[in-house]
């Protein structure tokens, strides 16, 4: 039974890590698109650069670590970053 639980936890962590990787890539792509579309706006460029740095920083948390605490921490960082990107989009007139 313990072995089955360990396997389930391991699979859940792997799934969470895959979702985090996909979200990381999606956020990176979105920031790149926003950067290109608003290349002539220095204030927007500064906000995007800050968000890109935060994304890179959150990626520095070991992505293949099986520590549920680190996985949860990274998940929270990505959620906060996703909210920041959403606020930026709204401020630029995107819905």
Protein backbone atom coordinates (compact mmCIF):
# COMPACT_ATOMS: atom_id res chain seq x y z
CA UNK A 1 0.00 0.00 0.00
CA UNK A 2 2.82 2.42 0.84
CA UNK A 3 4.47 1.61 -2.47
CA UNK A 4 1.24 2.36 -4.33
CA UNK A 5 0.90 5.68 -2.50
CA UNK A 6 4.51 6.59 -3.29
CA UNK A 7 3.90 5.79 -6.94
CA UNK A 8 0.73 7.91 -6.98
CA UNK A 9 2.54 10.83 -5.33
CA UNK A 10 5.41 10.48 -7.79
CA UNK A 11 3.00 10.50 -10.73
CA UNK A 12 1.18 13.52 -9.32
CA UNK A 13 4.48 15.40 -8.92
CA UNK A 14 5.49 14.51 -12.47
CA UNK A 15 2.15 15.79 -13.77
CA UNK A 16 2.48 19.03 -11.79
CA UNK A 17 6.02 19.52 -13.08
CA UNK A 18 4.84 18.98 -16.67
CA UNK A 19 2.03 21.51 -16.20
CA UNK A 20 4.49 23.98 -14.70
CA UNK A 21 6.82 23.52 -17.66
CA UNK A 22 3.95 24.14 -20.09
CA UNK A 23 2.80 27.23 -18.17
CA UNK A 24 6.38 28.51 -18.08
CA UNK A 25 6.67 28.12 -21.86
CA UNK A 26 3.27 29.72 -22.45
CA UNK A 27 4.11 32.71 -20.26
CA UNK A 28 7.47 33.10 -21.99
CA UNK A 29 5.82 33.04 -25.41
CA UNK A 30 3.17 35.52 -24.34
CA UNK A 31 5.78 37.91 -22.96
CA UNK A 32 7.74 37.64 -26.22
CA UNK A 33 4.63 38.50 -28.22
CA UNK A 34 3.82 41.46 -25.99
CA UNK A 35 7.41 42.66 -26.23
CA UNK A 36 7.27 42.56 -30.02
CA UNK A 37 3.86 44.25 -30.26
CA UNK A 38 4.84 47.05 -27.90
CA UNK A 39 8.47 47.54 -28.87
CA UNK A 40 8.05 51.31 -29.04
CA UNK A 41 6.77 51.69 -25.47
CA UNK A 42 9.63 51.84 -22.98
CA UNK A 43 7.40 51.57 -19.90
CA UNK A 44 5.82 48.39 -21.26
CA UNK A 45 9.24 47.03 -22.20
CA UNK A 46 10.44 47.59 -18.64
CA UNK A 47 7.44 45.76 -17.19
CA UNK A 48 7.93 42.88 -19.62
CA UNK A 49 11.64 42.65 -18.82
CA UNK A 50 10.83 42.51 -15.11
CA UNK A 51 8.29 39.75 -15.72
CA UNK A 52 10.77 37.84 -17.89
CA UNK A 53 13.33 38.04 -15.08
CA UNK A 54 10.77 36.75 -12.59
CA UNK A 55 9.90 33.90 -14.95
CA UNK A 56 13.56 33.01 -15.33
CA UNK A 57 14.04 33.21 -11.57
CA UNK A 58 11.11 30.89 -10.93
CA UNK A 59 12.57 28.49 -13.47
CA UNK A 60 15.76 28.30 -11.44
CA UNK A 61 13.91 26.27 -8.82
CA UNK A 62 15.02 22.75 -9.68
CA UNK A 63 12.22 21.63 -12.03
CA UNK A 64 12.80 17.89 -11.68
CA UNK A 65 13.06 17.94 -7.90
CA UNK A 66 10.74 15.48 -6.19
CA UNK A 67 10.36 17.73 -3.16
CA UNK A 68 6.63 18.55 -2.97
CA UNK A 69 7.46 21.76 -1.10
CA UNK A 70 9.60 23.06 -3.96
CA UNK A 71 6.99 22.02 -6.51
CA UNK A 72 4.30 23.88 -4.55
CA UNK A 73 6.56 26.93 -4.17
CA UNK A 74 7.20 27.07 -7.90
CA UNK A 75 3.52 26.57 -8.60
CA UNK A 76 2.71 29.60 -6.43
CA UNK A 77 5.40 31.69 -8.14
CA UNK A 78 3.99 30.80 -11.56
CA UNK A 79 0.44 31.62 -10.44
CA UNK A 80 1.56 35.04 -9.23
CA UNK A 81 3.49 35.63 -12.43
CA UNK A 82 0.49 34.58 -14.50
CA UNK A 83 -1.61 37.15 -12.62
CA UNK A 84 0.98 39.85 -13.30
CA UNK A 85 1.01 39.01 -17.02
CA UNK A 86 -2.80 39.12 -17.05
CA UNK A 87 -2.75 42.56 -15.41
CA UNK A 88 -0.24 43.75 -18.00
CA UNK A 89 -2.46 42.45 -20.80
CA UNK A 90 -5.48 44.22 -19.36
CA UNK A 91 -3.55 47.47 -19.00
CA UNK A 92 -2.63 47.18 -22.69
CA UNK A 93 -6.25 46.71 -23.70
CA UNK A 94 -6.28 42.94 -24.17
CA UNK A 95 -9.05 40.83 -22.70
